[in-house]
């Protein structure tokens, strides 16, 4: 029995980590960036010391939550799309899975943004997969030939920004995804009017965005920038190192809406 003890301890630690990650997703979904780790420990049914032994701070826990959600929701779609006989359908499947995940985990992403978890590396696997799917689709003629990877990256940011204009857990975003997907096909496509602009990073203004806790789609740069007044008035997108939707037609002054579970 003594020989098996380390193995049993490792299994117990793995079970506790799984319970903590699941509980964290629930608590951050309900409370957003203001969630406390003590609440997570209580929800998981473990002591605070157990939680902090595995996850020393909020950022470490949120990284684990995002990794798990990506592994469960997006990576399987990427793997399926890589072997899909229709590259355009495969790309559509990946975009749908990603947007569905963002919509379902909006407050988790807000907390991750607030904790400084979202970095260029966060979205590297996702955007690399999009680039490969785009190239495959263009090679077979299923996707218009004049798109470049930056176009597709920016389209993802545009689609995520739509979530600020509606209840994210509703399916309204699917309408705009369908419109975008029609625009990616070569059928009836008109030539694009100019080359894709080069990526550009505009630092976040410390008084308007650094602590705002806006959700993000990691891995992009963009030249989009809106003033605080414009951010309060209409949806916009601002991206620096990571891309993030930064406005809502119904947002409060400097605090984004946090959608609570019923």
C-alpha atoms as a PDB file:
ATOM      1  CA  UNK A   1       0.000   0.000   0.000  1.00  0.00           C
ATOM      2  CA  UNK A   2       2.868   2.342   0.829  1.00  0.00           C
ATOM      3  CA  UNK A   3       4.231   1.897  -2.698  1.00  0.00           C
ATOM      4  CA  UNK A   4       0.911   3.038  -4.134  1.00  0.00           C
ATOM      5  CA  UNK A   5       0.587   6.111  -1.915  1.00  0.00           C
ATOM      6  CA  UNK A   6       2.404   8.586  -4.229  1.00  0.00           C
ATOM      7  CA  UNK A   7       0.254   7.420  -7.131  1.00  0.00           C
ATOM      8  CA  UNK A   8      -2.911   7.828  -5.060  1.00  0.00           C
ATOM      9  CA  UNK A   9      -1.809  11.287  -3.975  1.00  0.00           C
ATOM     10  CA  UNK A  10      -1.177  12.294  -7.578  1.00  0.00           C
ATOM     11  CA  UNK A  11      -4.612  11.036  -8.595  1.00  0.00           C
ATOM     12  CA  UNK A  12      -6.211  12.932  -5.718  1.00  0.00           C
ATOM     13  CA  UNK A  13      -4.345  16.113  -6.683  1.00  0.00           C
ATOM     14  CA  UNK A  14      -5.495  15.722 -10.294  1.00  0.00           C
ATOM     15  CA  UNK A  15      -9.112  15.298  -9.180  1.00  0.00           C
ATOM     16  CA  UNK A  16      -8.873  18.395  -6.991  1.00  0.00           C
ATOM     17  CA  UNK A  17      -7.361  20.416  -9.835  1.00  0.00           C
ATOM     18  CA  UNK A  18     -10.197  19.337 -12.141  1.00  0.00           C
ATOM     19  CA  UNK A  19     -12.822  20.294  -9.536  1.00  0.00           C
ATOM     20  CA  UNK A  20     -11.152  23.670  -8.988  1.00  0.00           C
ATOM     21  CA  UNK A  21     -10.984  24.473 -12.705  1.00  0.00           C
ATOM     22  CA  UNK A  22     -14.630  23.523 -13.239  1.00  0.00           C
ATOM     23  CA  UNK A  23     -15.696  25.558 -10.219  1.00  0.00           C
ATOM     24  CA  UNK A  24     -13.618  28.525 -11.365  1.00  0.00           C
ATOM     25  CA  UNK A  25     -15.342  28.575 -14.716  1.00  0.00           C
ATOM     26  CA  UNK A  26     -18.739  28.656 -12.972  1.00  0.00           C
ATOM     27  CA  UNK A  27     -17.761  31.376 -10.490  1.00  0.00           C
ATOM     28  CA  UNK A  28     -16.067  33.638 -13.058  1.00  0.00           C
ATOM     29  CA  UNK A  29     -19.029  33.184 -15.403  1.00  0.00           C
ATOM     30  CA  UNK A  30     -21.336  34.396 -12.647  1.00  0.00           C
ATOM     31  CA  UNK A  31     -19.157  37.143 -11.160  1.00  0.00           C
ATOM     32  CA  UNK A  32     -16.678  38.192 -13.851  1.00  0.00           C
ATOM     33  CA  UNK A  33     -13.382  39.884 -12.897  1.00  0.00           C
ATOM     34  CA  UNK A  34     -14.588  40.579  -9.331  1.00  0.00           C
ATOM     35  CA  UNK A  35     -14.744  36.893  -8.416  1.00  0.00           C
ATOM     36  CA  UNK A  36     -12.735  35.814  -5.364  1.00  0.00           C
ATOM     37  CA  UNK A  37     -10.679  32.656  -5.181  1.00  0.00           C
ATOM     38  CA  UNK A  38     -12.230  31.836  -1.811  1.00  0.00           C
ATOM     39  CA  UNK A  39     -15.561  31.529  -3.631  1.00  0.00           C
ATOM     40  CA  UNK A  40     -13.948  29.172  -6.125  1.00  0.00           C
ATOM     41  CA  UNK A  41     -12.547  26.994  -3.326  1.00  0.00           C
ATOM     42  CA  UNK A  42     -15.948  26.780  -1.664  1.00  0.00           C
ATOM     43  CA  UNK A  43     -17.646  25.894  -4.933  1.00  0.00           C
ATOM     44  CA  UNK A  44     -15.051  23.181  -5.587  1.00  0.00           C
ATOM     45  CA  UNK A  45     -15.400  21.779  -2.086  1.00  0.00           C
ATOM     46  CA  UNK A  46     -11.713  22.175  -1.268  1.00  0.00           C
ATOM     47  CA  UNK A  47      -9.787  24.287   1.199  1.00  0.00           C
ATOM     48  CA  UNK A  48      -8.155  27.550   0.185  1.00  0.00           C
ATOM     49  CA  UNK A  49      -4.739  26.025   0.876  1.00  0.00           C
ATOM     50  CA  UNK A  50      -5.449  23.236  -1.615  1.00  0.00           C
ATOM     51  CA  UNK A  51      -6.430  25.760  -4.272  1.00  0.00           C
ATOM     52  CA  UNK A  52      -3.381  27.966  -3.742  1.00  0.00           C
ATOM     53  CA  UNK A  53      -1.033  24.991  -3.747  1.00  0.00           C
ATOM     54  CA  UNK A  54      -2.096  24.224  -7.292  1.00  0.00           C
ATOM     55  CA  UNK A  55      -2.936  27.733  -8.511  1.00  0.00           C
ATOM     56  CA  UNK A  56      -0.902  30.406  -6.698  1.00  0.00           C
ATOM     57  CA  UNK A  57      -2.928  33.340  -8.042  1.00  0.00           C
ATOM     58  CA  UNK A  58      -5.980  34.274 -10.092  1.00  0.00           C
ATOM     59  CA  UNK A  59      -3.973  34.496 -13.316  1.00  0.00           C
ATOM     60  CA  UNK A  60      -2.702  30.918 -13.010  1.00  0.00           C
ATOM     61  CA  UNK A  61      -6.222  29.637 -12.403  1.00  0.00           C
ATOM     62  CA  UNK A  62      -7.686  31.585 -15.322  1.00  0.00           C
ATOM     63  CA  UNK A  63      -4.964  30.258 -17.639  1.00  0.00           C
ATOM     64  CA  UNK A  64      -5.971  26.737 -16.642  1.00  0.00           C
ATOM     65  CA  UNK A  65      -9.654  27.516 -17.268  1.00  0.00           C
ATOM     66  CA  UNK A  66      -8.935  28.948 -20.722  1.00  0.00           C
ATOM     67  CA  UNK A  67      -6.680  26.017 -21.613  1.00  0.00           C
ATOM     68  CA  UNK A  68      -9.399  23.571 -20.621  1.00  0.00           C
ATOM     69  CA  UNK A  69     -12.138  25.409 -22.511  1.00  0.00           C
ATOM     70  CA  UNK A  70      -9.988  25.608 -25.647  1.00  0.00           C
ATOM     71  CA  UNK A  71      -9.144  21.903 -25.408  1.00  0.00           C
ATOM     72  CA  UNK A  72     -12.814  20.993 -25.013  1.00  0.00           C
ATOM     73  CA  UNK A  73     -14.495  23.406 -27.415  1.00  0.00           C
ATOM     74  CA  UNK A  74     -12.107  24.661 -30.085  1.00  0.00           C
ATOM     75  CA  UNK A  75      -9.247  22.204 -30.574  1.00  0.00           C
ATOM     76  CA  UNK A  76     -11.584  19.325 -31.568  1.00  0.00           C
ATOM     77  CA  UNK A  77     -13.139  21.596 -34.206  1.00  0.00           C
ATOM     78  CA  UNK A  78      -9.673  22.454 -35.528  1.00  0.00           C
ATOM     79  CA  UNK A  79      -8.720  18.788 -35.728  1.00  0.00           C
ATOM     80  CA  UNK A  80     -11.954  17.911 -37.526  1.00  0.00           C
ATOM     81  CA  UNK A  81     -11.602  20.822 -39.951  1.00  0.00           C
ATOM     82  CA  UNK A  82      -8.067  19.809 -40.905  1.00  0.00           C
ATOM     83  CA  UNK A  83      -9.478  16.641 -42.511  1.00  0.00           C
ATOM     84  CA  UNK A  84     -12.827  17.957 -43.693  1.00  0.00           C
ATOM     85  CA  UNK A  85     -13.385  17.290 -47.416  1.00  0.00           C
ATOM     86  CA  UNK A  86     -14.747  20.837 -47.835  1.00  0.00           C
ATOM     87  CA  UNK A  87     -12.177  23.348 -46.497  1.00  0.00           C
ATOM     88  CA  UNK A  88     -14.711  26.184 -46.413  1.00  0.00           C
ATOM     89  CA  UNK A  89     -17.066  24.132 -44.248  1.00  0.00           C
ATOM     90  CA  UNK A  90     -14.154  23.206 -42.014  1.00  0.00           C
ATOM     91  CA  UNK A  91     -13.226  26.845 -41.548  1.00  0.00           C
ATOM     92  CA  UNK A  92     -16.846  27.708 -40.805  1.00  0.00           C
ATOM     93  CA  UNK A  93     -16.940  24.950 -38.178  1.00  0.00           C
ATOM     94  CA  UNK A  94     -13.852  26.361 -36.427  1.00  0.00           C
ATOM     95  CA  UNK A  95     -15.149  29.940 -36.441  1.00  0.00           C
ATOM     96  CA  UNK A  96     -18.497  28.779 -35.091  1.00  0.00           C
ATOM     97  CA  UNK A  97     -16.831  26.774 -32.302  1.00  0.00           C
ATOM     98  CA  UNK A  98     -14.617  29.720 -31.350  1.00  0.00           C
ATOM     99  CA  UNK A  99     -17.459  32.244 -31.253  1.00  0.00           C
ATOM    100  CA  UNK A 100     -19.675  29.854 -29.342  1.00  0.00           C
ATOM    101  CA  UNK A 101     -16.893  29.433 -26.786  1.00  0.00           C
ATOM    102  CA  UNK A 102     -16.321  33.201 -26.476  1.00  0.00           C
ATOM    103  CA  UNK A 103     -20.051  33.836 -26.095  1.00  0.00           C
ATOM    104  CA  UNK A 104     -20.362  31.201 -23.396  1.00  0.00           C
ATOM    105  CA  UNK A 105     -17.260  32.326 -21.508  1.00  0.00           C
ATOM    106  CA  UNK A 106     -17.582  36.084 -21.917  1.00  0.00           C
ATOM    107  CA  UNK A 107     -17.141  36.899 -18.233  1.00  0.00           C
ATOM    108  CA  UNK A 108     -14.277  34.421 -17.945  1.00  0.00           C
ATOM    109  CA  UNK A 109     -12.492  36.243 -20.763  1.00  0.00           C
ATOM    110  CA  UNK A 110     -13.208  39.575 -19.074  1.00  0.00           C
ATOM    111  CA  UNK A 111     -11.562  38.239 -15.918  1.00  0.00           C
ATOM    112  CA  UNK A 112      -8.616  36.884 -17.913  1.00  0.00           C
ATOM    113  CA  UNK A 113      -8.148  40.260 -19.591  1.00  0.00           C
ATOM    114  CA  UNK A 114      -8.262  42.007 -16.225  1.00  0.00           C
ATOM    115  CA  UNK A 115      -5.708  39.583 -14.768  1.00  0.00           C
ATOM    116  CA  UNK A 116      -3.282  40.097 -17.656  1.00  0.00           C
ATOM    117  CA  UNK A 117      -3.578  36.490 -18.819  1.00  0.00           C
ATOM    118  CA  UNK A 118      -4.239  37.209 -22.495  1.00  0.00           C
ATOM    119  CA  UNK A 119      -0.987  37.447 -24.438  1.00  0.00           C
ATOM    120  CA  UNK A 120      -0.010  36.853 -28.073  1.00  0.00           C
ATOM    121  CA  UNK A 121       0.801  33.250 -27.164  1.00  0.00           C
ATOM    122  CA  UNK A 122      -2.757  32.710 -25.925  1.00  0.00           C
ATOM    123  CA  UNK A 123      -4.183  32.732 -29.443  1.00  0.00           C
ATOM    124  CA  UNK A 124      -1.201  31.341 -31.320  1.00  0.00           C
ATOM    125  CA  UNK A 125      -2.622  27.845 -31.865  1.00  0.00           C
ATOM    126  CA  UNK A 126      -6.015  29.172 -32.934  1.00  0.00           C
ATOM    127  CA  UNK A 127      -4.747  31.706 -35.460  1.00  0.00           C
ATOM    128  CA  UNK A 128      -2.143  29.311 -36.846  1.00  0.00           C
ATOM    129  CA  UNK A 129      -4.978  26.868 -37.480  1.00  0.00           C
ATOM    130  CA  UNK A 130      -7.014  29.576 -39.230  1.00  0.00           C
ATOM    131  CA  UNK A 131      -4.036  30.395 -41.456  1.00  0.00           C
ATOM    132  CA  UNK A 132      -3.649  26.741 -42.438  1.00  0.00           C
ATOM    133  CA  UNK A 133      -7.372  26.360 -43.156  1.00  0.00           C
ATOM    134  CA  UNK A 134      -7.360  29.542 -45.235  1.00  0.00           C
ATOM    135  CA  UNK A 135      -4.419  28.327 -47.319  1.00  0.00           C
ATOM    136  CA  UNK A 136      -6.071  24.937 -47.851  1.00  0.00           C
ATOM    137  CA  UNK A 137      -9.360  26.528 -48.852  1.00  0.00           C
ATOM    138  CA  UNK A 138      -7.680  28.875 -51.304  1.00  0.00           C
ATOM    139  CA  UNK A 139      -5.682  26.017 -52.809  1.00  0.00           C
ATOM    140  CA  UNK A 140      -8.894  24.126 -53.590  1.00  0.00           C
ATOM    141  CA  UNK A 141     -10.752  27.233 -54.763  1.00  0.00           C
ATOM    142  CA  UNK A 142     -13.287  27.054 -51.920  1.00  0.00           C
ATOM    143  CA  UNK A 143     -12.210  30.395 -50.411  1.00  0.00           C
ATOM    144  CA  UNK A 144     -11.565  33.576 -52.360  1.00  0.00           C
ATOM    145  CA  UNK A 145      -7.950  33.970 -53.382  1.00  0.00           C
ATOM    146  CA  UNK A 146      -7.481  37.640 -52.463  1.00  0.00           C
ATOM    147  CA  UNK A 147      -7.739  37.102 -48.694  1.00  0.00           C
ATOM    148  CA  UNK A 148      -4.605  37.197 -46.559  1.00  0.00           C
ATOM    149  CA  UNK A 149      -4.255  35.837 -42.999  1.00  0.00           C
ATOM    150  CA  UNK A 150      -4.537  39.309 -41.452  1.00  0.00           C
ATOM    151  CA  UNK A 151      -7.924  39.707 -43.141  1.00  0.00           C
ATOM    152  CA  UNK A 152      -9.214  36.595 -41.417  1.00  0.00           C
ATOM    153  CA  UNK A 153      -7.727  37.609 -38.066  1.00  0.00           C
ATOM    154  CA  UNK A 154      -9.470  40.972 -38.228  1.00  0.00           C
ATOM    155  CA  UNK A 155     -12.729  39.314 -39.250  1.00  0.00           C
ATOM    156  CA  UNK A 156     -12.589  37.287 -36.023  1.00  0.00           C
ATOM    157  CA  UNK A 157     -12.230  40.517 -34.036  1.00  0.00           C
ATOM    158  CA  UNK A 158     -15.189  42.009 -35.910  1.00  0.00           C
ATOM    159  CA  UNK A 159     -17.319  38.981 -35.081  1.00  0.00           C
ATOM    160  CA  UNK A 160     -16.343  39.034 -31.411  1.00  0.00           C
ATOM    161  CA  UNK A 161     -17.185  42.740 -31.203  1.00  0.00           C
ATOM    162  CA  UNK A 162     -20.749  41.915 -32.269  1.00  0.00           C
ATOM    163  CA  UNK A 163     -21.221  40.213 -28.891  1.00  0.00           C
ATOM    164  CA  UNK A 164     -21.090  43.633 -27.207  1.00  0.00           C
ATOM    165  CA  UNK A 165     -24.325  44.587 -28.962  1.00  0.00           C
ATOM    166  CA  UNK A 166     -26.463  41.702 -27.714  1.00  0.00           C
ATOM    167  CA  UNK A 167     -26.851  39.176 -24.945  1.00  0.00           C
ATOM    168  CA  UNK A 168     -23.813  36.972 -25.692  1.00  0.00           C
ATOM    169  CA  UNK A 169     -25.565  33.738 -24.758  1.00  0.00           C
ATOM    170  CA  UNK A 170     -28.204  34.313 -27.399  1.00  0.00           C
ATOM    171  CA  UNK A 171     -27.582  33.054 -30.934  1.00  0.00           C
ATOM    172  CA  UNK A 172     -27.752  36.438 -32.690  1.00  0.00           C
ATOM    173  CA  UNK A 173     -24.046  36.302 -33.527  1.00  0.00           C
ATOM    174  CA  UNK A 174     -24.726  33.372 -35.862  1.00  0.00           C
ATOM    175  CA  UNK A 175     -26.504  35.763 -38.239  1.00  0.00           C
ATOM    176  CA  UNK A 176     -23.332  37.813 -38.706  1.00  0.00           C
ATOM    177  CA  UNK A 177     -21.124  34.762 -38.947  1.00  0.00           C
ATOM    178  CA  UNK A 178     -23.313  33.551 -41.818  1.00  0.00           C
ATOM    179  CA  UNK A 179     -22.957  36.915 -43.568  1.00  0.00           C
ATOM    180  CA  UNK A 180     -19.172  36.827 -43.163  1.00  0.00           C
ATOM    181  CA  UNK A 181     -18.905  33.248 -44.398  1.00  0.00           C
ATOM    182  CA  UNK A 182     -20.780  34.193 -47.570  1.00  0.00           C
ATOM    183  CA  UNK A 183     -18.198  36.929 -48.099  1.00  0.00           C
ATOM    184  CA  UNK A 184     -15.312  34.449 -47.898  1.00  0.00           C
ATOM    185  CA  UNK A 185     -16.499  32.398 -50.857  1.00  0.00           C
ATOM    186  CA  UNK A 186     -15.328  33.231 -54.391  1.00  0.00           C
ATOM    187  CA  UNK A 187     -18.850  32.989 -55.833  1.00  0.00           C
ATOM    188  CA  UNK A 188     -19.916  36.465 -56.911  1.00  0.00           C
ATOM    189  CA  UNK A 189     -17.012  38.078 -55.048  1.00  0.00           C
ATOM    190  CA  UNK A 190     -15.925  41.536 -56.188  1.00  0.00           C
ATOM    191  CA  UNK A 191     -12.208  42.452 -56.030  1.00  0.00           C
ATOM    192  CA  UNK A 192     -11.165  43.917 -52.708  1.00  0.00           C
ATOM    193  CA  UNK A 193     -10.532  47.677 -53.003  1.00  0.00           C
ATOM    194  CA  UNK A 194      -7.052  47.854 -51.461  1.00  0.00           C
ATOM    195  CA  UNK A 195      -4.300  45.710 -49.921  1.00  0.00           C
ATOM    196  CA  UNK A 196      -4.666  44.578 -46.314  1.00  0.00           C
ATOM    197  CA  UNK A 197      -3.277  47.280 -43.993  1.00  0.00           C
ATOM    198  CA  UNK A 198      -0.217  46.300 -41.962  1.00  0.00           C
ATOM    199  CA  UNK A 199      -0.750  45.372 -38.298  1.00  0.00           C
ATOM    200  CA  UNK A 200      -0.398  48.291 -35.936  1.00  0.00           C
ATOM    201  CA  UNK A 201      -0.412  48.356 -32.151  1.00  0.00           C
ATOM    202  CA  UNK A 202      -1.880  51.271 -30.221  1.00  0.00           C
ATOM    203  CA  UNK A 203      -1.167  51.147 -26.472  1.00  0.00           C
ATOM    204  CA  UNK A 204      -4.192  51.031 -24.222  1.00  0.00           C
ATOM    205  CA  UNK A 205      -4.951  54.340 -22.526  1.00  0.00           C
ATOM    206  CA  UNK A 206      -4.454  53.820 -18.778  1.00  0.00           C
ATOM    207  CA  UNK A 207      -7.601  55.740 -17.873  1.00  0.00           C
ATOM    208  CA  UNK A 208      -9.937  54.000 -20.290  1.00  0.00           C
ATOM    209  CA  UNK A 209      -8.804  50.451 -20.953  1.00  0.00           C
ATOM    210  CA  UNK A 210      -6.029  49.169 -18.722  1.00  0.00           C
ATOM    211  CA  UNK A 211      -8.397  48.258 -15.907  1.00  0.00           C
ATOM    212  CA  UNK A 212     -11.636  47.980 -17.823  1.00  0.00           C
ATOM    213  CA  UNK A 213     -11.626  44.192 -17.913  1.00  0.00           C
ATOM    214  CA  UNK A 214     -12.748  43.905 -21.507  1.00  0.00           C
ATOM    215  CA  UNK A 215     -12.783  40.419 -22.969  1.00  0.00           C
ATOM    216  CA  UNK A 216     -10.306  39.568 -25.671  1.00  0.00           C
ATOM    217  CA  UNK A 217      -9.512  37.491 -28.676  1.00  0.00           C
ATOM    218  CA  UNK A 218      -5.754  36.993 -28.322  1.00  0.00           C
ATOM    219  CA  UNK A 219      -3.050  37.183 -30.915  1.00  0.00           C
ATOM    220  CA  UNK A 220      -3.806  40.210 -33.083  1.00  0.00           C
ATOM    221  CA  UNK A 221      -2.655  43.743 -33.696  1.00  0.00           C
ATOM    222  CA  UNK A 222      -4.890  46.429 -35.163  1.00  0.00           C
ATOM    223  CA  UNK A 223      -5.032  50.142 -35.862  1.00  0.00           C
ATOM    224  CA  UNK A 224      -8.572  50.469 -34.528  1.00  0.00           C
ATOM    225  CA  UNK A 225      -8.927  52.932 -31.680  1.00  0.00           C
ATOM    226  CA  UNK A 226     -11.934  54.736 -30.271  1.00  0.00           C
ATOM    227  CA  UNK A 227     -12.265  57.507 -27.736  1.00  0.00           C
ATOM    228  CA  UNK A 228     -14.036  56.865 -24.411  1.00  0.00           C
ATOM    229  CA  UNK A 229     -17.058  58.735 -25.748  1.00  0.00           C
ATOM    230  CA  UNK A 230     -17.133  56.669 -28.930  1.00  0.00           C
ATOM    231  CA  UNK A 231     -16.711  53.484 -26.907  1.00  0.00           C
ATOM    232  CA  UNK A 232     -19.801  54.344 -24.882  1.00  0.00           C
ATOM    233  CA  UNK A 233     -21.802  55.270 -27.963  1.00  0.00           C
ATOM    234  CA  UNK A 234     -21.310  52.358 -30.344  1.00  0.00           C
ATOM    235  CA  UNK A 235     -19.415  49.093 -30.765  1.00  0.00           C
ATOM    236  CA  UNK A 236     -15.768  49.328 -31.792  1.00  0.00           C
ATOM    237  CA  UNK A 237     -12.650  47.219 -31.692  1.00  0.00           C
ATOM    238  CA  UNK A 238      -9.270  48.047 -30.199  1.00  0.00           C
ATOM    239  CA  UNK A 239      -6.379  45.639 -30.337  1.00  0.00           C
ATOM    240  CA  UNK A 240      -2.920  45.872 -28.809  1.00  0.00           C
ATOM    241  CA  UNK A 241      -0.804  42.730 -28.458  1.00  0.00           C
ATOM    242  CA  UNK A 242      -4.091  40.955 -27.856  1.00  0.00           C
ATOM    243  CA  UNK A 243      -7.295  41.877 -29.633  1.00  0.00           C
ATOM    244  CA  UNK A 244     -10.350  42.783 -27.660  1.00  0.00           C
ATOM    245  CA  UNK A 245     -13.825  44.050 -28.253  1.00  0.00           C
ATOM    246  CA  UNK A 246     -13.957  47.311 -26.333  1.00  0.00           C
ATOM    247  CA  UNK A 247     -17.400  48.821 -26.626  1.00  0.00           C
ATOM    248  CA  UNK A 248     -21.073  48.240 -26.084  1.00  0.00           C
ATOM    249  CA  UNK A 249     -24.071  50.208 -27.164  1.00  0.00           C
ATOM    250  CA  UNK A 250     -25.396  49.756 -23.651  1.00  0.00           C
ATOM    251  CA  UNK A 251     -22.191  49.791 -21.611  1.00  0.00           C
ATOM    252  CA  UNK A 252     -21.826  51.851 -18.514  1.00  0.00           C
ATOM    253  CA  UNK A 253     -19.207  54.570 -18.439  1.00  0.00           C
ATOM    254  CA  UNK A 254     -15.970  52.658 -17.876  1.00  0.00           C
ATOM    255  CA  UNK A 255     -17.276  49.242 -16.911  1.00  0.00           C
ATOM    256  CA  UNK A 256     -18.290  46.644 -19.488  1.00  0.00           C
ATOM    257  CA  UNK A 257     -21.524  44.748 -18.965  1.00  0.00           C
ATOM    258  CA  UNK A 258     -21.132  41.492 -17.079  1.00  0.00           C
ATOM    259  CA  UNK A 259     -23.711  38.955 -18.045  1.00  0.00           C
ATOM    260  CA  UNK A 260     -25.020  37.048 -15.081  1.00  0.00           C
ATOM    261  CA  UNK A 261     -26.335  33.544 -15.229  1.00  0.00           C
ATOM    262  CA  UNK A 262     -30.073  33.356 -14.506  1.00  0.00           C
END
